[in-house]
Amino acid sequence: MSSEATDPNQRDFLPAAGHDLFLPLYDPFVRWMGFDRARQELISQANVKPEHHILDIGCGTGTLVMMLKRQYPQLQVTGLDPDPKALRRAKTKFTRTGISVQLDQGFADELPYEKCSFDRVFSSFMFHHLEDEQPEKTLKEAVRVLKPGGSFHWLDFTADRAPDGFLDRLVQSHARLRDNKHERLLQLMTRAGFVNVEKTKEGSMLFGLLRSAYYRATV
C-alpha cells in the first residue's frame, strides 16, 4: 500500500499535464511520446542498489517510482510532488498493483527531509517547470538530502540547439525552457555544491521532434 502526506502550505505550481482537465490522459500521452523509455535510460545510468533510499522529486503520477519498485522491489522509494491530484492518481496506481511507496506533497526547492536521507535523487521532465530562483534552490536541496557519495540523476528537455520543426519551436518557446541550456545547467549544479557534474547522454522523443538530455552529479 502507499502512504500520502500532505503539506498545508499551498503555493502556485504548474501541473505536469498543464491543466487538471488533462490529468486522466497524462500517462498514456507521455508513454506515447517516449517518456517511459527515457526514464528507463535514466534509471539505468544510476547504478541503483536494492538497499538504497531513493527520492523522485516532481514524481507526478508516479511512473518513475513504479518503474524503480518493479525493478528493485526492496528499494525504499519516496515520491514528492506539489500536485495533490497527481499524487492521488499515483496512489491509486500503487494500490492496484500492491506496490508500497511513500508519497509526499511538497515542493522541490523546500524538500521536507532531513540532511543525508537518500542515496539517489531523480528528476525527470520536471526542471523546466521551475522559475526564477527555484532551479538553484532545488539543486541545493538535492545536495542537502543526499548522503555522502550519493548521486543526482536528471532528465529534461533541452534548448541547446536551434529548434527544428514546428513542435520543437513550440516547446522551446516555453519561457521556462529557454534557459535549459547545457552550460547553464552544469553551472547551476556546480554552484549548488555538486561534483563530477556531467551530461551523460542526449536523446530524442516523438520521432526525433523533441530533444532531451541526461545529467549526473555526485556529492
C-alpha atoms as a PDB file:
ATOM      1  CA  MET A   1       0.000   0.000   0.000  1.00  0.00           C
ATOM      2  CA  SER A   2       1.006   3.638  -0.279  1.00  0.00           C
ATOM      3  CA  SER A   3       1.036   6.462   2.201  1.00  0.00           C
ATOM      4  CA  GLU A   4       0.320  10.058   1.249  1.00  0.00           C
ATOM      5  CA  ALA A   5       1.381  13.027   3.350  1.00  0.00           C
ATOM      6  CA  THR A   6       0.058  16.500   2.615  1.00  0.00           C
ATOM      7  CA  ASP A   7       1.603  19.904   3.094  1.00  0.00           C
ATOM      8  CA  PRO A   8      -0.866  22.541   4.288  1.00  0.00           C
ATOM      9  CA  ASN A   9       1.263  25.360   2.846  1.00  0.00           C
ATOM     10  CA  GLN A  10      -0.042  25.883  -0.663  1.00  0.00           C
ATOM     11  CA  ARG A  11       1.833  27.647  -3.451  1.00  0.00           C
ATOM     12  CA  ASP A  12       1.200  28.093  -7.141  1.00  0.00           C
ATOM     13  CA  PHE A  13       2.631  25.357  -9.361  1.00  0.00           C
ATOM     14  CA  LEU A  14       2.386  24.164 -12.946  1.00  0.00           C
ATOM     15  CA  PRO A  15       0.684  20.731 -13.102  1.00  0.00           C
ATOM     16  CA  ALA A  16       2.501  18.071 -15.089  1.00  0.00           C
ATOM     17  CA  ALA A  17      -0.376  17.840 -17.550  1.00  0.00           C
ATOM     18  CA  GLY A  18      -0.577  21.632 -17.845  1.00  0.00           C
ATOM     19  CA  HIS A  19      -4.192  21.633 -16.622  1.00  0.00           C
ATOM     20  CA  ASP A  20      -6.155  19.367 -14.273  1.00  0.00           C
ATOM     21  CA  LEU A  21      -8.591  18.608 -17.098  1.00  0.00           C
ATOM     22  CA  PHE A  22      -5.873  16.679 -18.974  1.00  0.00           C
ATOM     23  CA  LEU A  23      -4.601  14.655 -15.997  1.00  0.00           C
ATOM     24  CA  PRO A  24      -6.537  11.443 -16.885  1.00  0.00           C
ATOM     25  CA  LEU A  25      -4.820  11.468 -20.296  1.00  0.00           C
ATOM     26  CA  TYR A  26      -1.357  12.264 -18.977  1.00  0.00           C
ATOM     27  CA  ASP A  27       0.041   8.740 -18.525  1.00  0.00           C
ATOM     28  CA  PRO A  28      -0.958   7.341 -21.948  1.00  0.00           C
ATOM     29  CA  PHE A  29       0.100  10.563 -23.668  1.00  0.00           C
ATOM     30  CA  VAL A  30       3.602  10.695 -22.206  1.00  0.00           C
ATOM     31  CA  ARG A  31       4.036   6.954 -22.784  1.00  0.00           C
ATOM     32  CA  TRP A  32       3.225   7.526 -26.465  1.00  0.00           C
ATOM     33  CA  MET A  33       5.742  10.375 -26.568  1.00  0.00           C
ATOM     34  CA  GLY A  34       8.518   8.107 -25.283  1.00  0.00           C
ATOM     35  CA  PHE A  35       8.835   9.385 -21.713  1.00  0.00           C
ATOM     36  CA  ASP A  36       8.850   5.865 -20.240  1.00  0.00           C
ATOM     37  CA  ARG A  37      11.768   4.745 -22.420  1.00  0.00           C
ATOM     38  CA  ALA A  38      13.660   7.889 -21.493  1.00  0.00           C
ATOM     39  CA  ARG A  39      13.030   7.325 -17.784  1.00  0.00           C
ATOM     40  CA  GLN A  40      14.262   3.751 -18.076  1.00  0.00           C
ATOM     41  CA  GLU A  41      17.509   5.076 -19.520  1.00  0.00           C
ATOM     42  CA  LEU A  42      17.768   7.474 -16.578  1.00  0.00           C
ATOM     43  CA  ILE A  43      17.377   4.589 -14.123  1.00  0.00           C
ATOM     44  CA  SER A  44      19.973   2.548 -15.994  1.00  0.00           C
ATOM     45  CA  GLN A  45      22.679   5.193 -15.505  1.00  0.00           C
ATOM     46  CA  ALA A  46      22.096   5.452 -11.726  1.00  0.00           C
ATOM     47  CA  ASN A  47      23.709   2.183 -10.542  1.00  0.00           C
ATOM     48  CA  VAL A  48      20.825   1.577  -8.131  1.00  0.00           C
ATOM     49  CA  LYS A  49      21.317  -0.968  -5.349  1.00  0.00           C
ATOM     50  CA  PRO A  50      18.483  -2.837  -3.555  1.00  0.00           C
ATOM     51  CA  GLU A  51      19.415  -1.283  -0.210  1.00  0.00           C
ATOM     52  CA  HIS A  52      19.235   2.295  -1.492  1.00  0.00           C
ATOM     53  CA  HIS A  53      16.851   5.014  -0.339  1.00  0.00           C
ATOM     54  CA  ILE A  54      15.529   6.847  -3.415  1.00  0.00           C
ATOM     55  CA  LEU A  55      13.785  10.195  -3.881  1.00  0.00           C
ATOM     56  CA  ASP A  56      11.933  11.224  -7.038  1.00  0.00           C
ATOM     57  CA  ILE A  57      11.260  14.965  -6.999  1.00  0.00           C
ATOM     58  CA  GLY A  58       8.345  16.039  -9.151  1.00  0.00           C
ATOM     59  CA  CYS A  59       7.060  12.463  -9.265  1.00  0.00           C
ATOM     60  CA  GLY A  60       3.713  13.435 -10.818  1.00  0.00           C
ATOM     61  CA  THR A  61       1.544  10.352 -11.291  1.00  0.00           C
ATOM     62  CA  GLY A  62       4.352   8.085 -10.095  1.00  0.00           C
ATOM     63  CA  THR A  63       5.599   6.434 -13.275  1.00  0.00           C
ATOM     64  CA  LEU A  64       9.320   6.600 -12.436  1.00  0.00           C
ATOM     65  CA  VAL A  65       8.615   5.499  -8.860  1.00  0.00           C
ATOM     66  CA  MET A  66       6.695   2.474 -10.138  1.00  0.00           C
ATOM     67  CA  MET A  67       9.454   1.586 -12.596  1.00  0.00           C
ATOM     68  CA  LEU A  68      12.032   1.662  -9.786  1.00  0.00           C
ATOM     69  CA  LYS A  69       9.947  -0.523  -7.481  1.00  0.00           C
ATOM     70  CA  ARG A  70       9.216  -3.082 -10.173  1.00  0.00           C
ATOM     71  CA  GLN A  71      12.901  -3.441 -10.976  1.00  0.00           C
ATOM     72  CA  TYR A  72      14.119  -3.270  -7.364  1.00  0.00           C
ATOM     73  CA  PRO A  73      11.288  -4.375  -5.034  1.00  0.00           C
ATOM     74  CA  GLN A  74      13.436  -3.946  -1.910  1.00  0.00           C
ATOM     75  CA  LEU A  75      14.094  -0.244  -2.553  1.00  0.00           C
ATOM     76  CA  GLN A  76      12.731   2.368  -0.197  1.00  0.00           C
ATOM     77  CA  VAL A  77      11.298   4.921  -2.627  1.00  0.00           C
ATOM     78  CA  THR A  78       9.757   8.310  -1.892  1.00  0.00           C
ATOM     79  CA  GLY A  79       7.910  10.402  -4.451  1.00  0.00           C
ATOM     80  CA  LEU A  80       7.362  14.135  -3.952  1.00  0.00           C
ATOM     81  CA  ASP A  81       5.084  16.438  -5.919  1.00  0.00           C
ATOM     82  CA  PRO A  82       3.141  19.663  -5.222  1.00  0.00           C
ATOM     83  CA  ASP A  83       0.020  18.435  -7.056  1.00  0.00           C
ATOM     84  CA  PRO A  84      -2.398  16.554  -4.751  1.00  0.00           C
ATOM     85  CA  LYS A  85      -4.472  15.338  -7.704  1.00  0.00           C
ATOM     86  CA  ALA A  86      -1.434  13.773  -9.386  1.00  0.00           C
ATOM     87  CA  LEU A  87      -0.457  12.160  -6.077  1.00  0.00           C
ATOM     88  CA  ARG A  88      -3.940  10.684  -5.656  1.00  0.00           C
ATOM     89  CA  ARG A  89      -3.691   9.180  -9.123  1.00  0.00           C
ATOM     90  CA  ALA A  90      -0.259   7.768  -8.252  1.00  0.00           C
ATOM     91  CA  LYS A  91      -1.613   6.320  -5.007  1.00  0.00           C
ATOM     92  CA  THR A  92      -4.421   4.593  -6.898  1.00  0.00           C
ATOM     93  CA  LYS A  93      -1.921   3.039  -9.322  1.00  0.00           C
ATOM     94  CA  PHE A  94       0.247   1.736  -6.479  1.00  0.00           C
ATOM     95  CA  THR A  95      -2.715   0.378  -4.512  1.00  0.00           C
ATOM     96  CA  ARG A  96      -3.919  -1.570  -7.537  1.00  0.00           C
ATOM     97  CA  THR A  97      -0.506  -3.163  -8.057  1.00  0.00           C
ATOM     98  CA  GLY A  98       0.324  -3.702  -4.377  1.00  0.00           C
ATOM     99  CA  ILE A  99       3.429  -1.518  -4.558  1.00  0.00           C
ATOM    100  CA  SER A 100       4.459   0.169  -1.306  1.00  0.00           C
ATOM    101  CA  VAL A 101       5.998   3.644  -1.540  1.00  0.00           C
ATOM    102  CA  GLN A 102       5.855   6.936   0.326  1.00  0.00           C
ATOM    103  CA  LEU A 103       4.128   9.839  -1.439  1.00  0.00           C
ATOM    104  CA  ASP A 104       4.588  13.348  -0.074  1.00  0.00           C
ATOM    105  CA  GLN A 105       3.087  16.641  -1.150  1.00  0.00           C
ATOM    106  CA  GLY A 106       5.715  19.347  -1.274  1.00  0.00           C
ATOM    107  CA  PHE A 107       7.988  21.495  -3.393  1.00  0.00           C
ATOM    108  CA  ALA A 108      11.357  20.657  -4.874  1.00  0.00           C
ATOM    109  CA  ASP A 109      13.031  23.790  -3.539  1.00  0.00           C
ATOM    110  CA  GLU A 110      11.852  23.087   0.043  1.00  0.00           C
ATOM    111  CA  LEU A 111      12.338  19.339   0.477  1.00  0.00           C
ATOM    112  CA  PRO A 112      10.708  18.106   3.725  1.00  0.00           C
ATOM    113  CA  TYR A 113      13.517  15.649   4.522  1.00  0.00           C
ATOM    114  CA  GLU A 114      16.499  15.515   6.849  1.00  0.00           C
ATOM    115  CA  LYS A 115      20.054  16.042   5.662  1.00  0.00           C
ATOM    116  CA  CYS A 116      21.736  12.947   4.162  1.00  0.00           C
ATOM    117  CA  SER A 117      18.485  10.965   3.788  1.00  0.00           C
ATOM    118  CA  PHE A 118      18.862   9.469   0.296  1.00  0.00           C
ATOM    119  CA  ASP A 119      21.370   7.527  -1.814  1.00  0.00           C
ATOM    120  CA  ARG A 120      19.900   8.672  -5.129  1.00  0.00           C
ATOM    121  CA  VAL A 121      17.735  11.620  -6.147  1.00  0.00           C
ATOM    122  CA  PHE A 122      15.927  11.565  -9.501  1.00  0.00           C
ATOM    123  CA  SER A 123      14.216  14.293 -11.510  1.00  0.00           C
ATOM    124  CA  SER A 124      12.559  13.625 -14.863  1.00  0.00           C
ATOM    125  CA  PHE A 125      10.841  16.210 -17.072  1.00  0.00           C
ATOM    126  CA  MET A 126      10.215  18.454 -14.081  1.00  0.00           C
ATOM    127  CA  PHE A 127      13.016  21.011 -14.074  1.00  0.00           C
ATOM    128  CA  HIS A 128      11.553  23.181 -16.824  1.00  0.00           C
ATOM    129  CA  HIS A 129       8.518  23.779 -14.577  1.00  0.00           C
ATOM    130  CA  LEU A 130      10.707  25.787 -12.181  1.00  0.00           C
ATOM    131  CA  GLU A 131      11.231  29.522 -12.480  1.00  0.00           C
ATOM    132  CA  ASP A 132      13.242  32.412 -11.038  1.00  0.00           C
ATOM    133  CA  GLU A 133      15.439  31.146  -8.167  1.00  0.00           C
ATOM    134  CA  GLN A 134      13.698  27.770  -7.869  1.00  0.00           C
ATOM    135  CA  PRO A 135      16.136  25.780 -10.078  1.00  0.00           C
ATOM    136  CA  GLU A 136      19.209  26.647  -7.999  1.00  0.00           C
ATOM    137  CA  LYS A 137      17.319  26.199  -4.716  1.00  0.00           C
ATOM    138  CA  THR A 138      16.120  22.792  -5.899  1.00  0.00           C
ATOM    139  CA  LEU A 139      19.648  21.674  -6.711  1.00  0.00           C
ATOM    140  CA  LYS A 140      20.917  22.872  -3.331  1.00  0.00           C
ATOM    141  CA  GLU A 141      18.139  20.918  -1.652  1.00  0.00           C
ATOM    142  CA  ALA A 142      19.123  17.814  -3.613  1.00  0.00           C
ATOM    143  CA  VAL A 143      22.703  18.218  -2.382  1.00  0.00           C
ATOM    144  CA  ARG A 144      21.464  18.612   1.199  1.00  0.00           C
ATOM    145  CA  VAL A 145      19.333  15.458   1.286  1.00  0.00           C
ATOM    146  CA  LEU A 146      21.863  13.209  -0.482  1.00  0.00           C
ATOM    147  CA  LYS A 147      24.194  11.023   1.561  1.00  0.00           C
ATOM    148  CA  PRO A 148      27.965  11.418   1.013  1.00  0.00           C
ATOM    149  CA  GLY A 149      28.774   9.640  -2.220  1.00  0.00           C
ATOM    150  CA  GLY A 150      25.140   9.816  -3.334  1.00  0.00           C
ATOM    151  CA  SER A 151      24.175  10.945  -6.802  1.00  0.00           C
ATOM    152  CA  PHE A 152      21.630  13.073  -8.614  1.00  0.00           C
ATOM    153  CA  HIS A 153      20.125  11.901 -11.916  1.00  0.00           C
ATOM    154  CA  TRP A 154      18.281  14.439 -14.020  1.00  0.00           C
ATOM    155  CA  LEU A 155      16.436  14.262 -17.341  1.00  0.00           C
ATOM    156  CA  ASP A 156      14.695  17.107 -19.126  1.00  0.00           C
ATOM    157  CA  PHE A 157      14.073  18.748 -22.457  1.00  0.00           C
ATOM    158  CA  THR A 158      16.981  20.749 -23.796  1.00  0.00           C
ATOM    159  CA  ALA A 159      17.212  24.030 -25.677  1.00  0.00           C
ATOM    160  CA  ASP A 160      20.865  23.642 -26.649  1.00  0.00           C
ATOM    161  CA  ARG A 161      20.338  23.512 -30.395  1.00  0.00           C
ATOM    162  CA  ALA A 162      18.264  25.648 -32.696  1.00  0.00           C
ATOM    163  CA  PRO A 163      14.686  24.356 -32.978  1.00  0.00           C
ATOM    164  CA  ASP A 164      13.997  22.134 -35.965  1.00  0.00           C
ATOM    165  CA  GLY A 165      10.367  21.958 -36.975  1.00  0.00           C
ATOM    166  CA  PHE A 166       7.100  23.291 -35.602  1.00  0.00           C
ATOM    167  CA  LEU A 167       6.860  21.117 -32.470  1.00  0.00           C
ATOM    168  CA  ASP A 168      10.459  21.808 -31.457  1.00  0.00           C
ATOM    169  CA  ARG A 169       9.862  25.556 -31.868  1.00  0.00           C
ATOM    170  CA  LEU A 170       6.648  25.294 -29.862  1.00  0.00           C
ATOM    171  CA  VAL A 171       8.355  23.507 -26.972  1.00  0.00           C
ATOM    172  CA  GLN A 172      11.345  25.835 -26.910  1.00  0.00           C
ATOM    173  CA  SER A 173       9.060  28.869 -26.979  1.00  0.00           C
ATOM    174  CA  HIS A 174       8.021  27.965 -23.439  1.00  0.00           C
ATOM    175  CA  ALA A 175       9.607  30.725 -21.351  1.00  0.00           C
ATOM    176  CA  ARG A 176      10.926  28.325 -18.722  1.00  0.00           C
ATOM    177  CA  LEU A 177      12.557  26.086 -21.330  1.00  0.00           C
ATOM    178  CA  ARG A 178      14.625  28.770 -22.991  1.00  0.00           C
ATOM    179  CA  ASP A 179      17.218  28.588 -20.205  1.00  0.00           C
ATOM    180  CA  ASN A 180      17.547  24.794 -20.340  1.00  0.00           C
ATOM    181  CA  LYS A 181      20.942  25.012 -21.992  1.00  0.00           C
ATOM    182  CA  HIS A 182      23.861  22.702 -21.329  1.00  0.00           C
ATOM    183  CA  GLU A 183      26.387  25.193 -19.971  1.00  0.00           C
ATOM    184  CA  ARG A 184      23.888  26.939 -17.700  1.00  0.00           C
ATOM    185  CA  LEU A 185      22.638  23.666 -16.213  1.00  0.00           C
ATOM    186  CA  LEU A 186      26.172  22.452 -15.491  1.00  0.00           C
ATOM    187  CA  GLN A 187      26.980  25.786 -13.844  1.00  0.00           C
ATOM    188  CA  LEU A 188      23.855  25.589 -11.686  1.00  0.00           C
ATOM    189  CA  MET A 189      24.748  22.101 -10.471  1.00  0.00           C
ATOM    190  CA  THR A 190      28.335  23.080  -9.698  1.00  0.00           C
ATOM    191  CA  ARG A 191      27.233  26.227  -7.880  1.00  0.00           C
ATOM    192  CA  ALA A 192      24.775  24.183  -5.824  1.00  0.00           C
ATOM    193  CA  GLY A 193      27.625  22.039  -4.488  1.00  0.00           C
ATOM    194  CA  PHE A 194      27.648  19.003  -6.767  1.00  0.00           C
ATOM    195  CA  VAL A 195      30.879  17.457  -8.039  1.00  0.00           C
ATOM    196  CA  ASN A 196      31.601  15.206 -11.009  1.00  0.00           C
ATOM    197  CA  VAL A 197      28.913  17.084 -12.917  1.00  0.00           C
ATOM    198  CA  GLU A 198      28.358  15.808 -16.437  1.00  0.00           C
ATOM    199  CA  LYS A 199      25.885  15.488 -19.251  1.00  0.00           C
ATOM    200  CA  THR A 200      25.825  11.749 -19.858  1.00  0.00           C
ATOM    201  CA  LYS A 201      23.678  11.496 -22.947  1.00  0.00           C
ATOM    202  CA  GLU A 202      21.428  13.307 -25.387  1.00  0.00           C
ATOM    203  CA  GLY A 203      18.187  11.777 -26.536  1.00  0.00           C
ATOM    204  CA  SER A 204      15.137  12.398 -28.679  1.00  0.00           C
ATOM    205  CA  MET A 205      11.461  11.592 -28.471  1.00  0.00           C
ATOM    206  CA  LEU A 206       8.414  11.668 -30.693  1.00  0.00           C
ATOM    207  CA  PHE A 207      10.324  10.503 -33.771  1.00  0.00           C
ATOM    208  CA  GLY A 208      13.166  12.919 -33.108  1.00  0.00           C
ATOM    209  CA  LEU A 209      10.975  16.020 -32.906  1.00  0.00           C
ATOM    210  CA  LEU A 210      11.825  16.685 -29.244  1.00  0.00           C
ATOM    211  CA  ARG A 211      15.320  16.710 -27.735  1.00  0.00           C
ATOM    212  CA  SER A 212      16.298  15.751 -24.217  1.00  0.00           C
ATOM    213  CA  ALA A 213      19.461  15.497 -22.134  1.00  0.00           C
ATOM    214  CA  TYR A 214      20.596  13.335 -19.219  1.00  0.00           C
ATOM    215  CA  TYR A 215      22.755  14.667 -16.401  1.00  0.00           C
ATOM    216  CA  ARG A 216      24.547  13.075 -13.465  1.00  0.00           C
ATOM    217  CA  ALA A 217      26.328  14.585 -10.472  1.00  0.00           C
ATOM    218  CA  THR A 218      27.547  13.415  -7.058  1.00  0.00           C
ATOM    219  CA  VAL A 219      28.089  14.841  -3.571  1.00  0.00           C
END
